Amino acid sequence: MAVPKKRLTRTRRNNRRSHHALKKINLILCPKCNESKLAHTICPNCGTYNNEQIIEFGKKDKKDIKNK
């Protein structure tokens, strides 16, 4: 079994792990509703992308709310 002859320095050890750092999430504000969202994705709040309505959220009737 291979055994290292000398102990690795902190610099060499940490340089090997330099790509383990967490990356920042790229959040932007939606131009329509001003909620934060991931870049290049549909806004989960209003359903728009690139100023176009992609997802239509259904409006609940007052009758449905009272029955539940």
N, C-alpha and C. Protein backbone atom coordinates (compact mmCIF):
# COMPACT_ATOMS: atom_id res chain seq x y z
N MET A 1 0.84 -1.18 0.00
CA MET A 1 0.00 0.00 0.00
C MET A 1 0.88 1.24 0.00
N ALA A 2 0.53 2.22 -0.83
CA ALA A 2 1.33 3.44 -0.94
C ALA A 2 1.07 4.35 0.24
N VAL A 3 2.15 4.86 0.80
CA VAL A 3 2.08 5.78 1.93
C VAL A 3 2.86 7.03 1.56
N PRO A 4 2.30 8.23 1.77
CA PRO A 4 3.03 9.44 1.43
C PRO A 4 4.26 9.61 2.33
N LYS A 5 5.39 10.03 1.71
CA LYS A 5 6.62 10.20 2.49
C LYS A 5 6.54 11.42 3.40
N LYS A 6 5.91 12.49 2.89
CA LYS A 6 5.82 13.71 3.69
C LYS A 6 4.37 14.19 3.72
N ARG A 7 4.08 14.93 4.76
CA ARG A 7 2.75 15.48 4.93
C ARG A 7 2.51 16.60 3.91
N LEU A 8 1.28 16.66 3.35
CA LEU A 8 0.94 17.73 2.41
C LEU A 8 0.73 19.04 3.17
N THR A 9 1.14 20.12 2.58
CA THR A 9 0.92 21.43 3.20
C THR A 9 -0.54 21.84 3.05
N ARG A 10 -0.96 22.78 3.86
CA ARG A 10 -2.33 23.28 3.78
C ARG A 10 -2.62 23.86 2.41
N THR A 11 -1.64 24.53 1.83
CA THR A 11 -1.84 25.16 0.52
C THR A 11 -2.11 24.11 -0.55
N ARG A 12 -1.30 23.08 -0.59
CA ARG A 12 -1.49 22.03 -1.61
C ARG A 12 -2.82 21.31 -1.41
N ARG A 13 -3.18 21.04 -0.17
CA ARG A 13 -4.45 20.36 0.13
C ARG A 13 -5.62 21.23 -0.30
N ASN A 14 -5.58 22.53 0.05
CA ASN A 14 -6.69 23.42 -0.26
C ASN A 14 -6.78 23.76 -1.73
N ASN A 15 -5.65 23.80 -2.44
CA ASN A 15 -5.69 24.03 -3.88
C ASN A 15 -6.39 22.89 -4.59
N ARG A 16 -6.25 21.69 -4.10
CA ARG A 16 -6.92 20.55 -4.69
C ARG A 16 -8.44 20.65 -4.50
N ARG A 17 -8.86 21.31 -3.44
CA ARG A 17 -10.28 21.43 -3.12
C ARG A 17 -10.88 22.76 -3.55
N SER A 18 -10.19 23.50 -4.37
CA SER A 18 -10.64 24.85 -4.71
C SER A 18 -11.96 24.85 -5.49
N HIS A 19 -12.27 23.80 -6.20
CA HIS A 19 -13.51 23.76 -6.98
C HIS A 19 -14.70 23.27 -6.15
N HIS A 20 -14.54 23.04 -4.86
CA HIS A 20 -15.62 22.57 -4.01
C HIS A 20 -16.50 23.70 -3.48
N ALA A 21 -16.14 24.94 -3.77
CA ALA A 21 -16.88 26.09 -3.22
C ALA A 21 -18.29 26.14 -3.80
N LEU A 22 -19.24 26.67 -3.04
CA LEU A 22 -20.60 26.84 -3.51
C LEU A 22 -20.68 28.05 -4.43
N LYS A 23 -21.54 27.96 -5.43
CA LYS A 23 -21.70 29.06 -6.38
C LYS A 23 -22.93 29.87 -6.03
N LYS A 24 -22.89 31.15 -6.36
CA LYS A 24 -23.99 32.07 -6.08
C LYS A 24 -25.15 31.78 -7.03
N ILE A 25 -26.38 31.80 -6.50
CA ILE A 25 -27.57 31.62 -7.33
C ILE A 25 -27.86 32.92 -8.05
N ASN A 26 -28.11 32.84 -9.34
CA ASN A 26 -28.32 34.03 -10.17
C ASN A 26 -29.80 34.42 -10.15
N LEU A 27 -30.20 35.24 -9.17
CA LEU A 27 -31.58 35.70 -9.05
C LEU A 27 -31.72 37.08 -9.66
N ILE A 28 -32.84 37.29 -10.36
CA ILE A 28 -33.15 38.60 -10.93
C ILE A 28 -34.58 38.95 -10.55
N LEU A 29 -34.98 40.18 -10.79
CA LEU A 29 -36.35 40.60 -10.52
C LEU A 29 -37.18 40.45 -11.79
N CYS A 30 -38.37 39.92 -11.62
CA CYS A 30 -39.31 39.80 -12.74
C CYS A 30 -39.77 41.20 -13.14
N PRO A 31 -39.71 41.54 -14.43
CA PRO A 31 -40.11 42.89 -14.84
C PRO A 31 -41.60 43.18 -14.66
N LYS A 32 -42.43 42.13 -14.62
CA LYS A 32 -43.87 42.35 -14.51
C LYS A 32 -44.32 42.46 -13.05
N CYS A 33 -43.89 41.51 -12.19
CA CYS A 33 -44.41 41.49 -10.82
C CYS A 33 -43.35 41.85 -9.77
N ASN A 34 -42.12 42.08 -10.17
CA ASN A 34 -41.01 42.46 -9.29
C ASN A 34 -40.72 41.44 -8.19
N GLU A 35 -41.00 40.18 -8.45
CA GLU A 35 -40.62 39.10 -7.54
C GLU A 35 -39.30 38.53 -8.03
N SER A 36 -38.49 38.01 -7.12
CA SER A 36 -37.22 37.42 -7.53
C SER A 36 -37.46 36.05 -8.15
N LYS A 37 -36.67 35.75 -9.20
CA LYS A 37 -36.79 34.48 -9.91
C LYS A 37 -35.43 34.11 -10.46
N LEU A 38 -35.25 32.83 -10.83
CA LEU A 38 -34.02 32.40 -11.46
C LEU A 38 -33.94 32.99 -12.86
N ALA A 39 -32.74 33.34 -13.30
CA ALA A 39 -32.55 33.89 -14.63
C ALA A 39 -32.88 32.83 -15.68
N HIS A 40 -33.44 33.25 -16.80
CA HIS A 40 -33.78 32.38 -17.94
C HIS A 40 -34.80 31.31 -17.58
N THR A 41 -35.72 31.62 -16.68
CA THR A 41 -36.80 30.69 -16.34
C THR A 41 -38.12 31.46 -16.29
N ILE A 42 -39.22 30.71 -16.32
CA ILE A 42 -40.54 31.31 -16.20
C ILE A 42 -40.74 31.77 -14.77
N CYS A 43 -41.34 32.93 -14.59
CA CYS A 43 -41.60 33.45 -13.25
C CYS A 43 -42.65 32.57 -12.57
N PRO A 44 -42.35 32.00 -11.41
CA PRO A 44 -43.34 31.15 -10.74
C PRO A 44 -44.51 31.92 -10.15
N ASN A 45 -44.37 33.23 -10.03
CA ASN A 45 -45.43 34.04 -9.43
C ASN A 45 -46.48 34.46 -10.47
N CYS A 46 -46.03 34.98 -11.61
CA CYS A 46 -46.99 35.48 -12.60
C CYS A 46 -47.02 34.67 -13.89
N GLY A 47 -46.05 33.78 -14.12
CA GLY A 47 -46.07 32.91 -15.29
C GLY A 47 -45.60 33.55 -16.57
N THR A 48 -44.79 34.61 -16.50
CA THR A 48 -44.29 35.26 -17.72
C THR A 48 -42.83 34.92 -17.95
N TYR A 49 -42.44 34.99 -19.22
CA TYR A 49 -41.04 34.82 -19.62
C TYR A 49 -40.79 35.73 -20.81
N ASN A 50 -39.79 36.57 -20.72
CA ASN A 50 -39.42 37.48 -21.80
C ASN A 50 -40.62 38.36 -22.19
N ASN A 51 -41.33 38.86 -21.17
CA ASN A 51 -42.49 39.73 -21.31
C ASN A 51 -43.64 39.08 -22.08
N GLU A 52 -43.73 37.76 -22.10
CA GLU A 52 -44.84 37.05 -22.71
C GLU A 52 -45.48 36.15 -21.67
N GLN A 53 -46.81 36.09 -21.69
CA GLN A 53 -47.52 35.24 -20.75
C GLN A 53 -47.42 33.79 -21.24
N ILE A 54 -46.74 32.94 -20.46
CA ILE A 54 -46.53 31.54 -20.84
C ILE A 54 -47.53 30.63 -20.13
N ILE A 55 -47.70 30.82 -18.84
CA ILE A 55 -48.58 29.99 -18.04
C ILE A 55 -49.77 30.83 -17.59
N GLU A 56 -50.96 30.30 -17.81
CA GLU A 56 -52.17 30.96 -17.33
C GLU A 56 -52.56 30.30 -16.01
N PHE A 57 -52.57 31.07 -14.94
CA PHE A 57 -52.99 30.55 -13.66
C PHE A 57 -54.50 30.68 -13.57
N GLY A 58 -55.18 29.59 -13.16
CA GLY A 58 -56.63 29.60 -13.06
C GLY A 58 -57.10 30.45 -11.90
N LYS A 59 -58.15 31.19 -12.13
CA LYS A 59 -58.72 32.02 -11.07
C LYS A 59 -59.79 31.19 -10.35
N LYS A 60 -59.75 31.18 -9.04
CA LYS A 60 -60.72 30.42 -8.26
C LYS A 60 -61.99 31.25 -8.07
N ASP A 61 -63.11 30.57 -8.20
CA ASP A 61 -64.39 31.24 -7.96
C ASP A 61 -64.65 31.33 -6.46
N LYS A 62 -65.49 32.28 -6.10
CA LYS A 62 -65.83 32.42 -4.69
C LYS A 62 -66.61 31.20 -4.19
N LYS A 63 -67.37 30.54 -5.07
CA LYS A 63 -68.12 29.35 -4.69
C LYS A 63 -67.18 28.22 -4.29
N ASP A 64 -66.08 28.07 -5.05
CA ASP A 64 -65.12 27.00 -4.77
C ASP A 64 -64.44 27.22 -3.41
N ILE A 65 -64.18 28.47 -3.08
CA ILE A 65 -63.50 28.77 -1.83
C ILE A 65 -64.43 28.49 -0.65
N LYS A 66 -65.72 28.83 -0.79
CA LYS A 66 -66.67 28.61 0.29
C LYS A 66 -66.92 27.12 0.53
N ASN A 67 -66.93 26.32 -0.52
CA ASN A 67 -67.21 24.88 -0.39
C ASN A 67 -66.07 24.12 0.28
N LYS A 68 -64.88 24.64 0.25
CA LYS A 68 -63.73 23.91 0.81
C LYS A 68 -63.57 24.12 2.25
